Amino acid sequence: MRTRDCCTVADLREAILDGRLGPKPDTLPITGASSIYQTTQFPASTIKYHNYYLLLRVEAYFGACSHTVDQVAAEAAAQLSGLSLDAALRDERLPVQIAAMDAYLGVVCPHLSHCASVVDIPAGTPIQKARLRDALIADAADIRPGHNVALIGVVNPLIEAIKQRGGACLPCDLQLQETQWGEAVEQDMNIVLERADSVICTAMTLSNGSFDGILARVRERRIPLTVYAQTGSAVIAQFVGKGVTALIAEPFPFTQFNAGASQLYGYSSRGE
């Protein structure tokens, strides 16, 4: 199986375990593991985001996965450092698998060598950086006026960016009931996927297991899919041109942890 034969996340994991994309993962040790709990609440917003991250350090890269509080305990950081990536890839916890896949692919397929563009987000406040980042995502999605844009994984500045380009946002999220402006948020992604002319999703869909379903549906409907990825950014890169139309990859340290300049990596299958 080569990378172009990987149609699902499980296919990709199997290929990594078998050493078909590079070195065997048992040759790559996890030298550091971190569990982070972080909250974000923007000015003039009543919405507080509760974010949980698992980070696995392998060589010069941090494999990353955002997850819900019940998926992985903070003690995972103590359990995982010192193991090989092979062991983490075989862990029963999906976020551990995703972080391990991201670590492996971040080492063997680094963004800088494989992306189409590198964009610098200058130093600034959290909201300044978020708006610049979300404008970049909306531009990558090539939003057309009047189009219904499914947003799976609600980020309020990204809703603004979609509307500014004339799109109608169809917000979907498992954790939120309404947007900053009081708009209802759908919890069933299949409803917004059926109405959408295009789709934007966050890569937390990897950690909740919904990414394969999104990928399959956009392939069936032949509509564009843009992914914004902190979680598993190197994992999503393997699906560009295979259902993913565009990717804005933001490996660790994420903009919310970095007041200085940040580098984001752009991928696109348009024109191929």
Protein backbone atom coordinates (compact mmCIF):
# COMPACT_ATOMS: atom_id res chain seq x y z
CA MET A 1 0.00 0.00 0.00
CA ARG A 2 1.38 3.36 -1.02
CA THR A 3 0.13 6.63 0.43
CA ARG A 4 -2.17 7.23 -2.54
CA ASP A 5 -3.89 3.92 -1.73
CA CYS A 6 -4.81 5.09 1.79
CA CYS A 7 -8.51 5.94 1.63
CA THR A 8 -9.13 6.10 5.37
CA VAL A 9 -7.27 7.05 8.54
CA ALA A 10 -7.10 3.35 9.45
CA ASP A 11 -5.48 2.58 6.07
CA LEU A 12 -2.85 5.24 6.74
CA ARG A 13 -2.14 3.92 10.24
CA GLU A 14 -1.67 0.42 8.84
CA ALA A 15 0.74 1.68 6.20
CA ILE A 16 2.80 3.48 8.86
CA LEU A 17 2.89 0.42 11.11
CA ASP A 18 4.07 -1.72 8.20
CA GLY A 19 6.84 0.73 7.31
CA ARG A 20 5.46 1.39 3.84
CA LEU A 21 5.80 5.17 4.10
CA GLY A 22 9.27 5.30 5.63
CA PRO A 23 11.19 3.78 8.52
CA LYS A 24 9.46 1.34 10.84
CA PRO A 25 7.86 3.29 13.69
CA ASP A 26 9.58 1.12 16.31
CA THR A 27 12.83 2.89 15.33
CA LEU A 28 11.46 6.30 16.40
CA PRO A 29 11.33 6.94 20.17
CA ILE A 30 9.00 9.40 21.87
CA THR A 31 11.38 11.61 23.83
CA GLY A 32 8.72 13.83 25.39
CA ALA A 33 4.98 13.77 25.99
CA SER A 34 2.75 16.60 27.21
CA SER A 35 -0.88 16.94 28.26
CA ILE A 36 -2.19 20.51 28.09
CA TYR A 37 -5.49 22.00 29.24
CA GLN A 38 -6.10 25.48 27.87
CA THR A 39 -9.12 27.79 27.67
CA THR A 40 -9.87 30.64 25.30
CA GLN A 41 -12.51 33.37 25.56
CA PHE A 42 -12.36 36.29 23.16
CA PRO A 43 -13.39 39.84 24.16
CA ALA A 44 -17.14 40.54 23.78
CA SER A 45 -17.85 36.81 23.56
CA THR A 46 -19.61 34.70 26.17
CA ILE A 47 -18.23 31.48 24.69
CA LYS A 48 -15.32 29.84 26.48
CA TYR A 49 -13.45 27.14 24.57
CA HIS A 50 -12.04 24.31 26.69
CA ASN A 51 -9.13 22.72 24.84
CA TYR A 52 -7.22 19.56 25.71
CA TYR A 53 -4.08 18.60 23.82
CA LEU A 54 -1.77 15.62 23.71
CA LEU A 55 1.71 16.30 22.31
CA LEU A 56 4.32 13.66 21.45
CA ARG A 57 7.87 14.87 20.74
CA VAL A 58 9.73 12.80 18.13
CA GLU A 59 13.00 14.18 16.82
CA ALA A 60 12.30 17.82 15.83
CA TYR A 61 8.51 17.51 15.57
CA PHE A 62 5.59 17.58 18.01
CA GLY A 63 2.81 15.19 17.04
CA ALA A 64 -0.42 16.79 18.20
CA CYS A 65 -4.00 15.81 18.91
CA SER A 66 -6.78 17.86 20.46
CA HIS A 67 -9.30 15.71 22.31
CA THR A 68 -12.20 15.82 24.74
CA VAL A 69 -11.62 15.61 28.48
CA ASP A 70 -12.92 12.04 28.71
CA GLN A 71 -10.80 10.57 25.92
CA VAL A 72 -7.33 10.86 27.42
CA ALA A 73 -6.30 11.59 31.02
CA ALA A 74 -3.44 13.95 31.83
CA GLU A 75 -1.49 10.92 33.10
CA ALA A 76 -0.97 9.89 29.46
CA ALA A 77 2.04 12.21 29.35
CA ALA A 78 3.78 10.07 31.98
CA GLN A 79 2.82 6.86 30.22
CA LEU A 80 3.98 7.69 26.69
CA SER A 81 7.43 9.28 26.89
CA GLY A 82 10.15 6.70 26.41
CA LEU A 83 7.98 4.44 24.25
CA SER A 84 8.44 3.89 20.55
CA LEU A 85 5.96 5.31 18.07
CA ASP A 86 4.96 1.74 17.26
CA ALA A 87 3.65 1.30 20.79
CA ALA A 88 1.72 4.59 20.67
CA LEU A 89 0.23 3.72 17.28
CA ARG A 90 -1.12 0.49 18.79
CA ASP A 91 -2.61 2.25 21.83
CA GLU A 92 -6.38 1.75 22.13
CA ARG A 93 -7.02 5.48 22.65
CA LEU A 94 -7.74 7.18 19.33
CA PRO A 95 -6.15 10.56 20.26
CA VAL A 96 -2.91 8.74 21.15
CA GLN A 97 -2.96 7.02 17.75
CA ILE A 98 -3.57 10.32 15.95
CA ALA A 99 -0.78 12.14 17.83
CA ALA A 100 1.57 9.24 17.04
CA MET A 101 0.61 9.27 13.35
CA ASP A 102 1.15 13.02 13.24
CA ALA A 103 4.56 12.66 14.91
CA TYR A 104 5.63 9.97 12.44
CA LEU A 105 4.47 11.84 9.34
CA GLY A 106 5.80 15.16 10.63
CA VAL A 107 9.25 13.57 10.73
CA VAL A 108 9.17 11.62 7.45
CA CYS A 109 7.05 14.10 5.42
CA PRO A 110 7.86 17.54 6.91
CA HIS A 111 5.50 20.35 5.98
CA LEU A 112 8.26 22.63 4.79
CA SER A 113 9.33 20.10 2.14
CA HIS A 114 5.85 19.13 0.94
CA CYS A 115 3.52 22.13 1.26
CA ALA A 116 2.64 24.51 -1.57
CA SER A 117 3.13 27.69 0.44
CA VAL A 118 4.37 29.00 3.78
CA VAL A 119 2.50 31.93 5.35
CA ASP A 120 3.76 34.02 8.24
CA ILE A 121 1.16 35.20 10.75
CA PRO A 122 2.79 38.20 12.46
CA ALA A 123 3.01 38.72 16.19
CA GLY A 124 -0.16 40.02 17.79
CA THR A 125 -2.96 39.53 20.26
CA PRO A 126 -4.93 36.25 20.23
CA ILE A 127 -7.87 37.79 18.36
CA GLN A 128 -5.59 39.52 15.83
CA LYS A 129 -3.81 36.28 15.07
CA ALA A 130 -7.06 34.29 14.97
CA ARG A 131 -8.63 36.69 12.45
CA LEU A 132 -5.58 36.59 10.17
CA ARG A 133 -5.47 32.80 10.38
CA ASP A 134 -9.18 32.40 9.71
CA ALA A 135 -9.04 34.81 6.76
CA LEU A 136 -6.33 32.57 5.34
CA ILE A 137 -8.54 29.49 5.80
CA ALA A 138 -11.51 31.20 4.16
CA ASP A 139 -9.34 32.27 1.22
CA ALA A 140 -8.06 28.71 0.83
CA ALA A 141 -11.69 27.53 0.72
CA ASP A 142 -12.39 29.76 -2.32
CA ILE A 143 -15.83 30.71 -0.99
CA ARG A 144 -18.33 31.81 -3.64
CA PRO A 145 -21.06 34.39 -2.88
CA GLY A 146 -24.34 32.69 -2.01
CA HIS A 147 -22.78 29.28 -1.40
CA ASN A 148 -23.68 27.26 1.66
CA VAL A 149 -20.47 26.53 3.56
CA ALA A 150 -20.63 23.76 6.16
CA LEU A 151 -18.32 24.60 9.07
CA ILE A 152 -17.70 21.45 11.08
CA GLY A 153 -15.95 22.57 14.26
CA VAL A 154 -17.16 26.06 15.09
CA VAL A 155 -14.60 28.86 15.32
CA ASN A 156 -16.35 32.22 15.59
CA PRO A 157 -13.78 34.35 13.71
CA LEU A 158 -13.98 31.82 10.87
CA ILE A 159 -17.77 32.28 10.71
CA GLU A 160 -17.08 36.01 10.27
CA ALA A 161 -14.59 35.31 7.49
CA ILE A 162 -17.08 33.07 5.64
CA LYS A 163 -19.80 35.73 5.82
CA GLN A 164 -17.42 38.48 4.71
CA ARG A 165 -16.85 36.54 1.48
CA GLY A 166 -20.56 36.22 0.81
CA GLY A 167 -20.97 32.64 2.00
CA ALA A 168 -23.82 31.34 4.17
CA CYS A 169 -22.32 29.48 7.12
CA LEU A 170 -23.84 26.18 8.26
CA PRO A 171 -22.23 25.71 11.70
CA CYS A 172 -21.88 22.22 13.17
CA ASP A 173 -20.21 21.29 16.45
CA LEU A 174 -20.62 18.58 19.08
CA GLN A 175 -19.76 20.89 21.99
CA LEU A 176 -21.50 24.21 21.21
CA GLN A 177 -25.21 25.03 21.13
CA GLU A 178 -25.00 28.41 19.41
CA THR A 179 -22.53 30.79 17.81
CA GLN A 180 -21.30 34.04 19.32
CA TRP A 181 -24.21 35.76 17.54
CA GLY A 182 -26.87 33.39 18.85
CA GLU A 183 -27.21 31.27 15.71
CA ALA A 184 -28.14 27.64 16.33
CA VAL A 185 -25.33 25.12 15.89
CA GLU A 186 -26.26 21.78 14.31
CA GLN A 187 -24.82 18.69 16.02
CA ASP A 188 -25.47 16.19 13.21
CA MET A 189 -22.78 16.70 10.56
CA ASN A 190 -24.77 14.69 7.99
CA ILE A 191 -27.42 17.44 7.89
CA VAL A 192 -24.96 20.20 6.98
CA LEU A 193 -23.00 17.93 4.61
CA GLU A 194 -26.16 17.38 2.55
CA ARG A 195 -26.92 21.11 2.28
CA ALA A 196 -23.36 22.30 1.66
CA ASP A 197 -21.82 23.57 -1.57
CA SER A 198 -18.44 23.31 0.14
CA VAL A 199 -17.09 22.18 3.51
CA ILE A 200 -14.59 23.53 6.00
CA CYS A 201 -13.72 21.35 8.97
CA THR A 202 -11.18 21.35 11.74
CA ALA A 203 -8.89 18.37 12.20
CA MET A 204 -10.41 17.59 15.59
CA THR A 205 -12.63 15.44 13.35
CA LEU A 206 -9.65 13.06 13.42
CA SER A 207 -9.81 12.65 17.19
CA ASN A 208 -13.57 12.16 17.35
CA GLY A 209 -13.52 9.66 14.48
CA SER A 210 -15.70 11.64 12.06
CA PHE A 211 -13.06 12.61 9.47
CA ASP A 212 -13.47 9.45 7.37
CA GLY A 213 -17.22 10.06 7.11
CA ILE A 214 -16.71 13.65 5.99
CA LEU A 215 -14.10 12.56 3.47
CA ALA A 216 -16.37 9.87 2.03
CA ARG A 217 -19.34 12.24 1.66
CA VAL A 218 -17.44 15.06 -0.07
CA ARG A 219 -15.98 12.49 -2.47
CA GLU A 220 -19.48 11.19 -3.23
CA ARG A 221 -20.93 14.67 -3.72
CA ARG A 222 -17.82 16.01 -5.47
CA ILE A 223 -17.71 19.16 -3.36
CA PRO A 224 -14.56 20.86 -2.05
CA LEU A 225 -13.25 20.20 1.44
CA THR A 226 -10.89 22.58 3.21
CA VAL A 227 -9.30 21.48 6.49
CA TYR A 228 -7.75 23.65 9.17
CA ALA A 229 -5.42 21.40 11.14
CA GLN A 230 -3.62 21.81 14.41
CA THR A 231 -4.49 18.24 15.34
CA GLY A 232 -2.82 15.78 13.00
CA SER A 233 -1.77 18.38 10.44
CA ALA A 234 0.73 15.97 8.85
CA VAL A 235 -1.97 13.28 8.80
CA ILE A 236 -4.43 15.47 6.88
CA ALA A 237 -1.69 16.37 4.39
CA GLN A 238 -1.73 12.74 3.21
CA PHE A 239 -5.34 13.20 2.01
CA VAL A 240 -4.81 16.34 -0.09
CA GLY A 241 -5.97 15.42 -3.58
CA LYS A 242 -7.86 12.42 -2.21
CA GLY A 243 -10.94 14.26 -0.96
CA VAL A 244 -9.20 17.18 0.76
CA THR A 245 -9.06 20.14 -1.63
CA ALA A 246 -7.07 22.51 0.56
CA LEU A 247 -5.29 22.37 3.91
CA ILE A 248 -4.01 25.04 6.26
CA ALA A 249 -1.63 23.20 8.56
CA GLU A 250 -0.58 24.71 11.88
CA PRO A 251 1.78 22.41 13.76
CA PHE A 252 2.76 23.09 17.36
CA PRO A 253 3.36 25.68 18.81
CA PHE A 254 -0.14 26.83 17.88
CA THR A 255 -1.07 30.51 17.55
CA GLN A 256 -2.88 30.45 20.90
CA PHE A 257 0.41 29.55 22.62
CA ASN A 258 2.63 31.89 20.63
CA ALA A 259 2.44 35.67 20.83
CA GLY A 260 5.23 35.97 18.26
CA ALA A 261 5.15 35.24 14.55
CA SER A 262 3.69 31.87 13.51
CA GLN A 263 4.23 29.82 10.36
CA LEU A 264 1.30 28.11 8.68
CA TYR A 265 1.64 25.71 5.75
CA GLY A 266 -0.75 25.69 2.81
CA TYR A 267 -1.61 22.71 0.60
CA SER A 268 -3.98 22.63 -2.38
CA SER A 269 -5.11 20.12 -4.98
CA ARG A 270 -6.71 22.77 -7.19
CA GLY A 271 -5.21 22.78 -10.66
CA GLU A 272 -3.84 19.27 -10.36
